[in-house]
C-alpha cells in the first residue's frame, strides 16, 4: 500500500539517508519502516553517513511501491541502490525482501546535502540528508542554487558562502571540462 506522504530523493543521495528521511516523515526508524514493508533487516543500524544499506530487488520493488516512485527513478537518484533483477516466471526464489546494513569507510562516506534542497524534497519533516558526490567531482560540495557549502562533517549546519563569491566561481570552473590545446605548427 502506498504511503500518503511524499518524500523525494535528492540526486545522488545515499540509500540509508533516503530511508532515514522517509522513516522520519512517518515518525519511525528505518528498521520499523522496512519491517512495515515486510523486509528482513540484517546488520547493525547506524545513522548515515557511517553506514549504508543494501536492498534486494524485492525490497527495492516494495520501497518503490510505497513511495510511488518508479524503480528507474529510484535507481537514478540513489546510486547505491541495486537495480532489481529482471522479473521471471518463478517469483518464489526472487520474492524475498532483504536489507543489509553495512559500515562505510571514511573515504567512501557520503557528504551532507544542502539543507534548502533537503527541505524542498521532504516538506513534512526536517531530517538531514547525505549524498554521494559524483566520482568526477571533488569531495567538497557547494550548492550553487542556494549558495551553501556543506562538506565538513564537523559543522552541524552548512556554511553560508554568499559573502564569498570566489568559492562559487571556483566551483563552477572546476566542473567545466578543460579544453585540450593542440600545438600550433608554424
Protein backbone atom coordinates (compact mmCIF):
# COMPACT_ATOMS: atom_id res chain seq x y z
CA UNK A 1 0.00 0.00 0.00
CA UNK A 2 1.48 3.37 -0.94
CA UNK A 3 2.27 5.90 1.75
CA UNK A 4 0.21 9.10 1.81
CA UNK A 5 3.18 11.43 2.39
CA UNK A 6 5.61 12.20 -0.44
CA UNK A 7 9.37 12.30 0.15
CA UNK A 8 11.51 12.63 -2.97
CA UNK A 9 15.15 11.51 -3.01
CA UNK A 10 17.90 14.01 -3.71
CA UNK A 11 20.12 13.33 -6.73
CA UNK A 12 23.00 11.13 -5.58
CA UNK A 13 21.51 10.55 -2.12
CA UNK A 14 22.66 7.62 -0.02
CA UNK A 15 20.03 4.89 0.28
CA UNK A 16 20.32 4.91 4.09
CA UNK A 17 19.82 8.67 4.09
CA UNK A 18 16.66 8.41 1.97
CA UNK A 19 15.25 5.62 4.14
CA UNK A 20 16.01 7.67 7.26
CA UNK A 21 14.28 10.76 5.87
CA UNK A 22 11.30 8.69 4.71
CA UNK A 23 11.01 6.94 8.08
CA UNK A 24 11.35 10.25 9.96
CA UNK A 25 8.43 11.62 7.98
CA UNK A 26 6.27 8.80 9.37
CA UNK A 27 7.90 9.09 12.85
CA UNK A 28 9.53 5.67 12.52
CA UNK A 29 13.03 4.28 12.46
CA UNK A 30 14.32 2.90 9.14
CA UNK A 31 14.10 -0.63 10.58
CA UNK A 32 10.46 -0.11 11.56
CA UNK A 33 9.68 1.23 8.08
CA UNK A 34 11.34 -1.78 6.43
CA UNK A 35 9.51 -4.10 8.83
CA UNK A 36 6.25 -2.49 7.70
CA UNK A 37 7.25 -3.30 4.13
CA UNK A 38 7.83 -6.93 5.28
CA UNK A 39 11.55 -6.71 4.63
CA UNK A 40 14.03 -8.77 6.65
CA UNK A 41 16.77 -6.49 8.02
CA UNK A 42 20.27 -7.71 8.94
CA UNK A 43 23.34 -5.89 10.21
CA UNK A 44 23.59 -3.11 12.78
CA UNK A 45 21.58 0.00 12.05
CA UNK A 46 23.51 3.20 12.49
CA UNK A 47 22.85 6.72 11.32
CA UNK A 48 24.21 7.95 7.98
CA UNK A 49 26.93 8.67 6.92
CA UNK A 50 28.64 5.90 8.88
CA UNK A 51 26.52 3.14 7.35
CA UNK A 52 24.75 2.32 4.11
CA UNK A 53 22.02 -0.18 3.40
CA UNK A 54 21.76 -2.67 0.54
CA UNK A 55 18.27 -3.63 -0.58
CA UNK A 56 17.39 -6.78 -2.50
CA UNK A 57 15.42 -6.46 -5.74
CA UNK A 58 12.18 -7.32 -3.94
CA UNK A 59 12.87 -4.81 -1.15
CA UNK A 60 13.58 -2.11 -3.77
CA UNK A 61 10.30 -3.02 -5.53
CA UNK A 62 8.37 -2.72 -2.25
CA UNK A 63 10.04 0.61 -1.45
CA UNK A 64 9.14 1.82 -4.94
CA UNK A 65 5.51 0.83 -4.44
CA UNK A 66 5.33 2.51 -1.05
CA UNK A 67 6.89 5.77 -2.23
CA UNK A 68 5.07 5.73 -5.60
CA UNK A 69 8.40 6.41 -7.32
CA UNK A 70 9.20 4.09 -10.25
CA UNK A 71 12.27 1.84 -9.84
CA UNK A 72 14.23 3.54 -12.68
CA UNK A 73 13.81 6.91 -10.97
CA UNK A 74 14.87 5.50 -7.59
CA UNK A 75 17.97 3.81 -9.03
CA UNK A 76 18.95 7.01 -10.83
CA UNK A 77 18.55 9.15 -7.68
CA UNK A 78 20.05 6.62 -5.25
CA UNK A 79 23.35 5.50 -6.81
CA UNK A 80 23.95 2.70 -4.26
CA UNK A 81 20.52 1.13 -4.73
CA UNK A 82 20.96 -2.01 -6.78
CA UNK A 83 18.67 -2.21 -9.80
CA UNK A 84 16.19 -5.07 -9.49
CA UNK A 85 16.75 -8.34 -11.30
CA UNK A 86 14.56 -8.93 -14.35
CA UNK A 87 11.24 -10.50 -13.44
CA UNK A 88 10.86 -14.16 -14.19
CA UNK A 89 8.06 -16.70 -14.07
CA UNK A 90 9.46 -18.18 -10.83
CA UNK A 91 8.97 -15.33 -8.35
CA UNK A 92 9.19 -17.50 -5.25
CA UNK A 93 13.01 -17.64 -5.45
CA UNK A 94 13.30 -13.89 -6.02
CA UNK A 95 10.45 -12.85 -3.72
CA UNK A 96 12.45 -12.42 -0.51
CA UNK A 97 12.80 -8.83 0.53
CA UNK A 98 16.03 -8.30 2.45
CA UNK A 99 18.03 -5.30 3.58
CA UNK A 100 21.54 -5.34 5.00
CA UNK A 101 23.23 -2.52 6.92
CA UNK A 102 26.99 -2.27 6.40
CA UNK A 103 29.64 0.16 7.60
CA UNK A 104 31.36 2.51 5.16
CA UNK A 105 35.00 3.55 5.17
CA UNK A 106 35.54 7.21 5.94
CA UNK A 107 36.73 7.98 2.41
CA UNK A 108 33.54 6.49 0.92
CA UNK A 109 31.06 8.10 3.29
CA UNK A 110 28.51 10.49 1.78
CA UNK A 111 28.64 14.22 2.44
CA UNK A 112 25.95 16.43 3.99
CA UNK A 113 23.47 17.78 1.45
CA UNK A 114 22.27 21.34 1.13
CA UNK A 115 19.60 21.92 3.79
CA UNK A 116 17.47 24.06 1.48
CA UNK A 117 17.40 21.31 -1.17
CA UNK A 118 16.53 18.74 1.51
CA UNK A 119 13.65 20.76 2.94
CA UNK A 120 12.24 21.24 -0.56
CA UNK A 121 12.15 17.46 -1.16
CA UNK A 122 10.82 16.36 2.24
CA UNK A 123 8.34 19.01 3.33
CA UNK A 124 6.85 17.01 6.22
CA UNK A 125 10.00 16.63 8.36
CA UNK A 126 13.37 18.34 8.52
CA UNK A 127 15.88 15.47 8.59
CA UNK A 128 19.45 15.82 7.33
CA UNK A 129 20.33 14.18 4.02
CA UNK A 130 23.62 12.68 2.83
CA UNK A 131 24.69 12.49 -0.80
CA UNK A 132 27.45 10.74 -2.68
CA UNK A 133 29.37 13.20 -4.88
CA UNK A 134 29.94 12.20 -8.47
CA UNK A 135 33.30 10.45 -8.94
CA UNK A 136 34.46 13.21 -11.30
CA UNK A 137 33.83 15.98 -8.75
CA UNK A 138 35.90 16.89 -5.69
CA UNK A 139 34.59 15.80 -2.30
CA UNK A 140 33.70 19.38 -1.39
CA UNK A 141 30.07 20.13 -2.01
CA UNK A 142 28.74 23.58 -2.81
CA UNK A 143 25.10 24.14 -3.67
CA UNK A 144 25.16 26.85 -6.30
CA UNK A 145 21.37 27.21 -6.22
CA UNK A 146 21.22 28.08 -2.51
CA UNK A 147 24.77 29.42 -2.04
CA UNK A 148 25.63 26.95 0.71
CA UNK A 149 28.67 24.80 1.35
CA UNK A 150 28.39 21.61 3.41
CA UNK A 151 31.44 19.43 3.13
CA UNK A 152 32.95 19.34 6.60
CA UNK A 153 31.29 16.85 8.97
CA UNK A 154 32.47 18.91 11.95
CA UNK A 155 30.00 21.66 11.03
CA UNK A 156 26.45 20.93 12.19
CA UNK A 157 24.97 23.32 9.61
CA UNK A 158 26.00 24.39 6.11
CA UNK A 159 28.28 27.36 5.72
CA UNK A 160 26.72 30.39 4.07
CA UNK A 161 29.02 31.39 1.19
CA UNK A 162 27.02 34.30 -0.23
CA UNK A 163 29.63 36.72 1.10
CA UNK A 164 32.42 34.83 -0.70
CA UNK A 165 31.59 34.72 -4.43
CA UNK A 166 35.09 33.42 -5.21
CA UNK A 167 34.04 29.99 -3.89
CA UNK A 168 31.03 29.84 -6.18
CA UNK A 169 33.05 30.89 -9.21
CA UNK A 170 35.85 28.42 -8.42
CA UNK A 171 33.31 25.60 -8.07
CA UNK A 172 31.73 26.48 -11.44
CA UNK A 173 35.13 26.49 -13.16
CA UNK A 174 36.11 23.17 -11.56
CA UNK A 175 33.02 21.47 -13.02
CA UNK A 176 33.70 22.62 -16.60
CA UNK A 177 35.98 20.34 -18.60
CA UNK A 178 39.20 21.98 -19.67
CA UNK A 179 39.72 22.33 -23.39
CA UNK A 180 42.65 20.42 -24.86
CA UNK A 181 45.02 22.78 -26.60
CA UNK A 182 46.54 21.47 -29.79
CA UNK A 183 50.07 22.57 -30.66
CA UNK A 184 50.42 25.31 -33.23
CA UNK A 185 52.55 24.36 -36.22
CA UNK A 186 54.43 27.30 -37.77
